[in-house]
Amino acid sequence: MVSDKYDRLRALLRSYGSCLVAYSGGVDSVFLACVAHQVLGQKSLAVIADSPSLPRRELDAALATAKQFEFPVRIVRTQEFENPAYLANPNNRCYFCKHELFTELAPLAKAEGFAVIDQSITREFVSSWLTLYGHRCTGNPKASPVWVDSRHTKIN
């Protein structure tokens, strides 16, 4: 069963042609970035957001993991601390981080010719923030290798 899901994930990534992966350094995004690089080679890129909310040790660990698994990673600076709604620390503060992240990723993906932005998300995570800001979000939970779904935003 796991191998079937893994094969479906590989096929899904292959169907993109190219893919920018929203990378956090967590096990889910490491797996997605690694498989995307195995399938797409230089037509995949992992991108991690750096801001004051990310401890240096976590950034260092994420970069070391990318090096260990030999997939390319780029750092983009995000500015969620400039958003008063984020600073208020509401229950939905993750929304503001994700919005800020995709504000940076979408132009990068478009400028460098990546067909989609992909992210790994747990089933508990609700990605409604994408549709709120006009991103077309699709995905195939059946391609999930374990408990993680892959969600992608097509770049027009």
N, C-alpha and C. Protein backbone atom coordinates (compact mmCIF):
# COMPACT_ATOMS: atom_id res chain seq x y z
N MET A 1 0.83 -1.20 0.00
CA MET A 1 0.00 0.00 0.00
C MET A 1 0.87 1.25 0.00
N VAL A 2 1.89 1.29 0.86
CA VAL A 2 2.75 2.47 0.89
C VAL A 2 3.47 2.64 -0.44
N SER A 3 3.90 1.54 -1.04
CA SER A 3 4.60 1.66 -2.32
C SER A 3 3.66 2.17 -3.42
N ASP A 4 2.39 1.80 -3.36
CA ASP A 4 1.42 2.33 -4.32
C ASP A 4 1.26 3.83 -4.16
N LYS A 5 1.18 4.28 -2.92
CA LYS A 5 1.05 5.72 -2.66
C LYS A 5 2.31 6.46 -3.10
N TYR A 6 3.45 5.85 -2.83
CA TYR A 6 4.72 6.45 -3.25
C TYR A 6 4.77 6.57 -4.77
N ASP A 7 4.36 5.55 -5.47
CA ASP A 7 4.33 5.58 -6.93
C ASP A 7 3.37 6.65 -7.44
N ARG A 8 2.22 6.79 -6.79
CA ARG A 8 1.26 7.83 -7.20
C ARG A 8 1.83 9.23 -6.97
N LEU A 9 2.55 9.40 -5.85
CA LEU A 9 3.19 10.70 -5.59
C LEU A 9 4.22 10.99 -6.67
N ARG A 10 5.04 10.02 -7.01
CA ARG A 10 6.05 10.21 -8.06
C ARG A 10 5.39 10.56 -9.40
N ALA A 11 4.30 9.87 -9.71
CA ALA A 11 3.59 10.15 -10.96
C ALA A 11 3.00 11.56 -10.95
N LEU A 12 2.44 11.95 -9.82
CA LEU A 12 1.87 13.29 -9.70
C LEU A 12 2.95 14.34 -9.89
N LEU A 13 4.08 14.18 -9.22
CA LEU A 13 5.18 15.13 -9.37
C LEU A 13 5.67 15.16 -10.81
N ARG A 14 5.81 14.01 -11.43
CA ARG A 14 6.25 13.93 -12.83
C ARG A 14 5.28 14.69 -13.73
N SER A 15 3.99 14.60 -13.42
CA SER A 15 2.98 15.27 -14.25
C SER A 15 3.10 16.79 -14.21
N TYR A 16 3.69 17.32 -13.14
CA TYR A 16 3.86 18.77 -13.04
C TYR A 16 4.86 19.29 -14.08
N GLY A 17 5.89 18.51 -14.33
CA GLY A 17 6.96 18.97 -15.22
C GLY A 17 8.03 19.76 -14.49
N SER A 18 7.60 20.57 -13.55
CA SER A 18 8.51 21.32 -12.70
C SER A 18 7.76 21.70 -11.43
N CYS A 19 8.52 21.90 -10.36
CA CYS A 19 7.86 22.08 -9.06
C CYS A 19 8.74 22.85 -8.09
N LEU A 20 8.17 23.85 -7.48
CA LEU A 20 8.81 24.56 -6.38
C LEU A 20 8.15 24.03 -5.11
N VAL A 21 8.94 23.55 -4.14
CA VAL A 21 8.41 22.95 -2.93
C VAL A 21 8.53 23.93 -1.77
N ALA A 22 7.42 24.22 -1.10
CA ALA A 22 7.44 25.02 0.12
C ALA A 22 8.07 24.14 1.20
N TYR A 23 9.28 24.50 1.63
CA TYR A 23 10.12 23.65 2.48
C TYR A 23 10.24 24.25 3.87
N SER A 24 10.01 23.41 4.89
CA SER A 24 10.15 23.88 6.27
C SER A 24 11.30 23.20 7.01
N GLY A 25 11.74 22.08 6.48
CA GLY A 25 12.75 21.29 7.18
C GLY A 25 12.13 20.19 8.02
N GLY A 26 10.80 20.17 8.11
CA GLY A 26 10.11 19.10 8.81
C GLY A 26 10.09 17.84 7.97
N VAL A 27 9.79 16.73 8.60
CA VAL A 27 9.86 15.44 7.90
C VAL A 27 8.99 15.40 6.66
N ASP A 28 7.83 16.02 6.68
CA ASP A 28 6.91 16.00 5.54
C ASP A 28 7.49 16.74 4.34
N SER A 29 7.99 17.95 4.58
CA SER A 29 8.51 18.73 3.45
C SER A 29 9.86 18.19 3.00
N VAL A 30 10.64 17.60 3.89
CA VAL A 30 11.89 16.95 3.49
C VAL A 30 11.58 15.83 2.51
N PHE A 31 10.60 15.00 2.88
CA PHE A 31 10.23 13.89 2.02
C PHE A 31 9.76 14.38 0.66
N LEU A 32 8.88 15.37 0.65
CA LEU A 32 8.35 15.90 -0.60
C LEU A 32 9.46 16.51 -1.45
N ALA A 33 10.34 17.30 -0.84
CA ALA A 33 11.44 17.92 -1.58
C ALA A 33 12.39 16.87 -2.15
N CYS A 34 12.66 15.86 -1.37
CA CYS A 34 13.55 14.78 -1.80
C CYS A 34 12.96 14.02 -2.98
N VAL A 35 11.72 13.63 -2.88
CA VAL A 35 11.07 12.88 -3.97
C VAL A 35 10.93 13.78 -5.20
N ALA A 36 10.57 15.03 -5.02
CA ALA A 36 10.46 15.95 -6.15
C ALA A 36 11.80 16.07 -6.87
N HIS A 37 12.87 16.15 -6.13
CA HIS A 37 14.19 16.25 -6.76
C HIS A 37 14.57 14.95 -7.46
N GLN A 38 14.23 13.82 -6.86
CA GLN A 38 14.51 12.53 -7.51
C GLN A 38 13.75 12.41 -8.84
N VAL A 39 12.52 12.88 -8.85
CA VAL A 39 11.67 12.76 -10.04
C VAL A 39 11.99 13.83 -11.08
N LEU A 40 12.16 15.07 -10.64
CA LEU A 40 12.27 16.20 -11.57
C LEU A 40 13.67 16.76 -11.72
N GLY A 41 14.61 16.34 -10.87
CA GLY A 41 15.97 16.85 -10.96
C GLY A 41 16.02 18.36 -10.79
N GLN A 42 16.71 19.03 -11.70
CA GLN A 42 16.88 20.48 -11.62
C GLN A 42 15.59 21.25 -11.91
N LYS A 43 14.54 20.55 -12.23
CA LYS A 43 13.24 21.21 -12.43
C LYS A 43 12.44 21.24 -11.14
N SER A 44 13.14 21.01 -10.02
CA SER A 44 12.51 21.16 -8.71
C SER A 44 13.43 22.02 -7.84
N LEU A 45 12.81 22.74 -6.94
CA LEU A 45 13.56 23.58 -6.01
C LEU A 45 12.78 23.67 -4.71
N ALA A 46 13.45 23.41 -3.60
CA ALA A 46 12.84 23.62 -2.29
C ALA A 46 13.15 25.05 -1.85
N VAL A 47 12.16 25.71 -1.25
CA VAL A 47 12.34 27.09 -0.80
C VAL A 47 11.86 27.19 0.64
N ILE A 48 12.74 27.72 1.49
CA ILE A 48 12.40 27.90 2.90
C ILE A 48 12.30 29.39 3.20
N ALA A 49 11.32 29.74 4.00
CA ALA A 49 11.13 31.13 4.41
C ALA A 49 11.95 31.41 5.66
N ASP A 50 12.66 32.52 5.63
CA ASP A 50 13.43 32.94 6.79
C ASP A 50 12.85 34.25 7.32
N SER A 51 12.60 34.27 8.61
CA SER A 51 12.09 35.47 9.26
C SER A 51 12.47 35.40 10.74
N PRO A 52 12.22 36.46 11.49
CA PRO A 52 12.52 36.41 12.93
C PRO A 52 11.76 35.32 13.68
N SER A 53 10.71 34.78 13.09
CA SER A 53 9.95 33.72 13.77
C SER A 53 10.61 32.34 13.63
N LEU A 54 11.63 32.23 12.79
CA LEU A 54 12.31 30.96 12.57
C LEU A 54 13.62 30.94 13.36
N PRO A 55 13.72 30.11 14.38
CA PRO A 55 14.98 30.03 15.14
C PRO A 55 16.14 29.61 14.23
N ARG A 56 17.31 30.20 14.46
CA ARG A 56 18.49 29.90 13.64
C ARG A 56 18.81 28.41 13.62
N ARG A 57 18.65 27.73 14.74
CA ARG A 57 18.97 26.30 14.78
C ARG A 57 18.05 25.51 13.85
N GLU A 58 16.79 25.95 13.69
CA GLU A 58 15.87 25.26 12.79
C GLU A 58 16.23 25.52 11.33
N LEU A 59 16.62 26.75 11.03
CA LEU A 59 17.06 27.06 9.67
C LEU A 59 18.32 26.26 9.35
N ASP A 60 19.28 26.26 10.25
CA ASP A 60 20.52 25.51 10.05
C ASP A 60 20.24 24.02 9.85
N ALA A 61 19.35 23.48 10.66
CA ALA A 61 19.01 22.05 10.54
C ALA A 61 18.33 21.77 9.20
N ALA A 62 17.44 22.65 8.75
CA ALA A 62 16.75 22.46 7.47
C ALA A 62 17.75 22.50 6.32
N LEU A 63 18.69 23.41 6.37
CA LEU A 63 19.69 23.51 5.31
C LEU A 63 20.63 22.29 5.32
N ALA A 64 20.99 21.84 6.52
CA ALA A 64 21.84 20.65 6.64
C ALA A 64 21.13 19.40 6.11
N THR A 65 19.83 19.31 6.38
CA THR A 65 19.06 18.16 5.89
C THR A 65 19.00 18.17 4.36
N ALA A 66 18.78 19.35 3.78
CA ALA A 66 18.75 19.46 2.32
C ALA A 66 20.10 19.03 1.73
N LYS A 67 21.17 19.45 2.38
CA LYS A 67 22.50 19.06 1.91
C LYS A 67 22.69 17.54 2.03
N GLN A 68 22.25 16.98 3.15
CA GLN A 68 22.38 15.54 3.38
C GLN A 68 21.64 14.74 2.30
N PHE A 69 20.45 15.18 1.94
CA PHE A 69 19.65 14.46 0.95
C PHE A 69 19.87 14.97 -0.47
N GLU A 70 20.75 15.94 -0.61
CA GLU A 70 21.22 16.43 -1.91
C GLU A 70 20.12 17.01 -2.80
N PHE A 71 19.22 17.80 -2.20
CA PHE A 71 18.27 18.54 -3.02
C PHE A 71 18.53 20.03 -2.84
N PRO A 72 18.34 20.80 -3.89
CA PRO A 72 18.62 22.23 -3.81
C PRO A 72 17.58 22.95 -2.95
N VAL A 73 18.05 23.95 -2.22
CA VAL A 73 17.15 24.75 -1.40
C VAL A 73 17.57 26.21 -1.48
N ARG A 74 16.58 27.07 -1.52
CA ARG A 74 16.82 28.50 -1.53
C ARG A 74 16.11 29.14 -0.35
N ILE A 75 16.68 30.19 0.17
CA ILE A 75 16.09 30.93 1.29
C ILE A 75 15.43 32.19 0.74
N VAL A 76 14.18 32.43 1.14
CA VAL A 76 13.52 33.71 0.86
C VAL A 76 13.20 34.37 2.19
N ARG A 77 13.30 35.65 2.23
CA ARG A 77 12.98 36.42 3.44
C ARG A 77 11.49 36.76 3.43
N THR A 78 10.84 36.51 4.55
CA THR A 78 9.42 36.87 4.67
C THR A 78 9.26 37.90 5.78
N GLN A 79 8.16 38.61 5.74
CA GLN A 79 7.95 39.78 6.60
C GLN A 79 6.69 39.68 7.44
N GLU A 80 6.35 38.48 7.94
CA GLU A 80 5.11 38.38 8.70
C GLU A 80 5.10 39.24 9.96
N PHE A 81 6.27 39.60 10.48
CA PHE A 81 6.33 40.44 11.67
C PHE A 81 5.88 41.87 11.39
N GLU A 82 5.77 42.22 10.12
CA GLU A 82 5.25 43.54 9.76
C GLU A 82 3.73 43.55 9.68
N ASN A 83 3.11 42.41 9.89
CA ASN A 83 1.66 42.30 9.81
C ASN A 83 1.07 42.31 11.23
N PRO A 84 0.32 43.35 11.60
CA PRO A 84 -0.27 43.42 12.94
C PRO A 84 -1.18 42.22 13.25
N ALA A 85 -1.84 41.68 12.25
CA ALA A 85 -2.71 40.51 12.47
C ALA A 85 -1.88 39.31 12.92
N TYR A 86 -0.71 39.13 12.37
CA TYR A 86 0.17 38.04 12.79
C TYR A 86 0.67 38.30 14.22
N LEU A 87 1.07 39.52 14.48
CA LEU A 87 1.61 39.86 15.80
C LEU A 87 0.58 39.74 16.91
N ALA A 88 -0.70 39.81 16.57
CA ALA A 88 -1.76 39.65 17.58
C ALA A 88 -1.83 38.20 18.07
N ASN A 89 -1.14 37.30 17.36
CA ASN A 89 -1.05 35.89 17.74
C ASN A 89 -2.42 35.20 17.84
N PRO A 90 -3.26 35.34 16.81
CA PRO A 90 -4.58 34.69 16.85
C PRO A 90 -4.45 33.19 16.61
N ASN A 91 -5.55 32.49 16.78
CA ASN A 91 -5.55 31.05 16.54
C ASN A 91 -5.17 30.70 15.11
N ASN A 92 -5.48 31.57 14.18
CA ASN A 92 -5.19 31.30 12.77
C ASN A 92 -3.90 31.97 12.30
N ARG A 93 -2.94 32.16 13.19
CA ARG A 93 -1.70 32.84 12.82
C ARG A 93 -0.94 32.12 11.71
N CYS A 94 -1.12 30.80 11.60
CA CYS A 94 -0.47 30.05 10.52
C CYS A 94 -0.93 30.55 9.15
N TYR A 95 -2.16 30.99 9.08
CA TYR A 95 -2.67 31.55 7.84
C TYR A 95 -1.79 32.71 7.38
N PHE A 96 -1.42 33.59 8.30
CA PHE A 96 -0.64 34.77 7.94
C PHE A 96 0.77 34.39 7.49
N CYS A 97 1.35 33.38 8.12
CA CYS A 97 2.65 32.88 7.68
C CYS A 97 2.56 32.29 6.28
N LYS A 98 1.55 31.47 6.05
CA LYS A 98 1.37 30.85 4.74
C LYS A 98 1.09 31.90 3.67
N HIS A 99 0.28 32.86 3.99
CA HIS A 99 -0.01 33.92 3.03
C HIS A 99 1.27 34.66 2.68
N GLU A 100 2.05 35.00 3.67
CA GLU A 100 3.32 35.70 3.44
C GLU A 100 4.26 34.83 2.61
N LEU A 101 4.32 33.55 2.94
CA LEU A 101 5.18 32.63 2.20
C LEU A 101 4.78 32.58 0.72
N PHE A 102 3.48 32.41 0.45
CA PHE A 102 3.05 32.31 -0.94
C PHE A 102 3.13 33.65 -1.66
N THR A 103 3.11 34.75 -0.93
CA THR A 103 3.34 36.06 -1.53
C THR A 103 4.75 36.12 -2.10
N GLU A 104 5.68 35.44 -1.46
CA GLU A 104 7.06 35.37 -1.95
C GLU A 104 7.25 34.27 -2.99
N LEU A 105 6.61 33.12 -2.79
CA LEU A 105 6.84 31.98 -3.67
C LEU A 105 6.21 32.13 -5.05
N ALA A 106 5.02 32.70 -5.11
CA ALA A 106 4.32 32.79 -6.41
C ALA A 106 5.13 33.57 -7.45
N PRO A 107 5.64 34.76 -7.13
CA PRO A 107 6.44 35.47 -8.14
C PRO A 107 7.75 34.74 -8.48
N LEU A 108 8.35 34.10 -7.49
CA LEU A 108 9.57 33.34 -7.72
C LEU A 108 9.30 32.19 -8.69
N ALA A 109 8.23 31.45 -8.43
CA ALA A 109 7.88 30.32 -9.29
C ALA A 109 7.60 30.80 -10.72
N LYS A 110 6.88 31.88 -10.84
CA LYS A 110 6.54 32.40 -12.17
C LYS A 110 7.80 32.88 -12.90
N ALA A 111 8.65 33.62 -12.20
CA ALA A 111 9.86 34.16 -12.81
C ALA A 111 10.83 33.07 -13.27
N GLU A 112 10.86 31.97 -12.53
CA GLU A 112 11.83 30.91 -12.85
C GLU A 112 11.20 29.73 -13.58
N GLY A 113 9.93 29.87 -13.96
CA GLY A 113 9.30 28.89 -14.82
C GLY A 113 8.85 27.60 -14.15
N PHE A 114 8.59 27.64 -12.85
CA PHE A 114 8.07 26.45 -12.18
C PHE A 114 6.56 26.37 -12.40
N ALA A 115 6.09 25.19 -12.76
CA ALA A 115 4.67 25.02 -13.09
C ALA A 115 3.77 25.09 -11.88
N VAL A 116 4.24 24.56 -10.75
CA VAL A 116 3.42 24.52 -9.54
C VAL A 116 4.27 24.82 -8.32
N ILE A 117 3.58 25.22 -7.26
CA ILE A 117 4.17 25.28 -5.93
C ILE A 117 3.50 24.16 -5.15
N ASP A 118 4.29 23.30 -4.57
CA ASP A 118 3.75 22.16 -3.84
C ASP A 118 4.13 22.28 -2.38
N GLN A 119 3.26 21.79 -1.54
CA GLN A 119 3.54 21.77 -0.10
C GLN A 119 2.99 20.50 0.49
N SER A 120 3.63 20.05 1.52
CA SER A 120 3.11 18.89 2.23
C SER A 120 2.29 19.42 3.40
N ILE A 121 1.14 18.82 3.60
CA ILE A 121 0.29 19.25 4.71
C ILE A 121 -0.32 18.03 5.38
N THR A 122 -0.49 18.13 6.67
CA THR A 122 -1.16 17.05 7.37
C THR A 122 -2.65 17.16 7.13
N ARG A 123 -3.35 16.09 7.32
CA ARG A 123 -4.79 16.09 7.08
C ARG A 123 -5.52 17.10 7.96
N GLU A 124 -4.95 17.43 9.11
CA GLU A 124 -5.60 18.36 10.02
C GLU A 124 -5.50 19.81 9.54
N PHE A 125 -4.56 20.07 8.64
CA PHE A 125 -4.34 21.44 8.19
C PHE A 125 -5.37 21.82 7.12
N VAL A 126 -5.97 22.94 7.25
CA VAL A 126 -6.95 23.41 6.27
C VAL A 126 -6.31 24.53 5.47
N SER A 127 -6.21 24.34 4.16
CA SER A 127 -5.49 25.31 3.33
C SER A 127 -6.43 26.29 2.64
N SER A 128 -7.47 26.72 3.32
CA SER A 128 -8.44 27.63 2.71
C SER A 128 -7.83 28.99 2.40
N TRP A 129 -6.73 29.32 3.02
CA TRP A 129 -6.08 30.61 2.75
C TRP A 129 -5.71 30.76 1.29
N LEU A 130 -5.45 29.65 0.59
CA LEU A 130 -5.10 29.74 -0.82
C LEU A 130 -6.24 30.33 -1.63
N THR A 131 -7.42 29.78 -1.46
CA THR A 131 -8.55 30.24 -2.26
C THR A 131 -8.97 31.65 -1.88
N LEU A 132 -8.76 32.03 -0.64
CA LEU A 132 -9.11 33.37 -0.22
C LEU A 132 -8.33 34.43 -0.99
N TYR A 133 -7.13 34.08 -1.43
CA TYR A 133 -6.30 35.06 -2.11
C TYR A 133 -6.12 34.75 -3.60
N GLY A 134 -7.05 34.00 -4.16
CA GLY A 134 -7.08 33.82 -5.59
C GLY A 134 -6.16 32.76 -6.15
N HIS A 135 -5.50 32.00 -5.30
CA HIS A 135 -4.68 30.90 -5.81
C HIS A 135 -5.59 29.72 -6.07
N ARG A 136 -5.39 29.06 -7.17
CA ARG A 136 -6.16 27.86 -7.46
C ARG A 136 -5.44 26.67 -6.82
N CYS A 137 -6.07 26.07 -5.85
CA CYS A 137 -5.45 24.98 -5.10
C CYS A 137 -6.08 23.66 -5.50
N THR A 138 -5.24 22.74 -5.90
CA THR A 138 -5.71 21.40 -6.18
C THR A 138 -4.82 20.45 -5.40
N GLY A 139 -4.97 19.21 -5.61
CA GLY A 139 -4.12 18.25 -4.92
C GLY A 139 -4.75 16.89 -4.98
N ASN A 140 -4.00 15.91 -4.62
CA ASN A 140 -4.48 14.55 -4.70
C ASN A 140 -4.13 13.82 -3.42
N PRO A 141 -5.03 13.82 -2.43
CA PRO A 141 -4.74 13.13 -1.19
C PRO A 141 -4.44 11.66 -1.38
N LYS A 142 -4.94 11.05 -2.44
CA LYS A 142 -4.68 9.64 -2.68
C LYS A 142 -3.22 9.39 -3.05
N ALA A 143 -2.49 10.45 -3.44
CA ALA A 143 -1.07 10.30 -3.76
C ALA A 143 -0.22 10.35 -2.49
N SER A 144 -0.87 10.60 -1.38
CA SER A 144 -0.16 10.74 -0.11
C SER A 144 0.64 9.49 0.24
N PRO A 145 1.95 9.64 0.47
CA PRO A 145 2.76 8.47 0.79
C PRO A 145 2.46 7.88 2.16
N VAL A 146 2.12 8.70 3.11
CA VAL A 146 1.74 8.20 4.43
C VAL A 146 0.55 9.00 4.91
N TRP A 147 0.72 9.83 5.88
CA TRP A 147 -0.40 10.60 6.42
C TRP A 147 -0.40 12.03 5.88
N VAL A 148 0.46 12.31 4.97
CA VAL A 148 0.63 13.68 4.47
C VAL A 148 0.00 13.82 3.11
N ASP A 149 -0.69 14.92 2.90
CA ASP A 149 -1.23 15.23 1.59
C ASP A 149 -0.28 16.18 0.87
N SER A 150 -0.31 16.11 -0.43
CA SER A 150 0.44 17.04 -1.25
C SER A 150 -0.57 18.01 -1.85
N ARG A 151 -0.35 19.27 -1.69
CA ARG A 151 -1.23 20.29 -2.26
C ARG A 151 -0.38 21.17 -3.15
N HIS A 152 -0.90 21.50 -4.31
CA HIS A 152 -0.14 22.38 -5.19
C HIS A 152 -0.98 23.52 -5.69
N THR A 153 -0.30 24.58 -5.99
CA THR A 153 -0.91 25.75 -6.58
C THR A 153 -0.35 25.89 -7.97
N LYS A 154 -1.21 25.91 -8.98
CA LYS A 154 -0.74 26.08 -10.36
C LYS A 154 -0.36 27.52 -10.58
N ILE A 155 0.74 27.70 -11.28
CA ILE A 155 1.22 29.05 -11.62
C ILE A 155 0.75 29.37 -13.01
N ASN A 156 0.02 30.47 -13.15
CA ASN A 156 -0.50 30.86 -14.47
C ASN A 156 0.40 31.87 -15.12
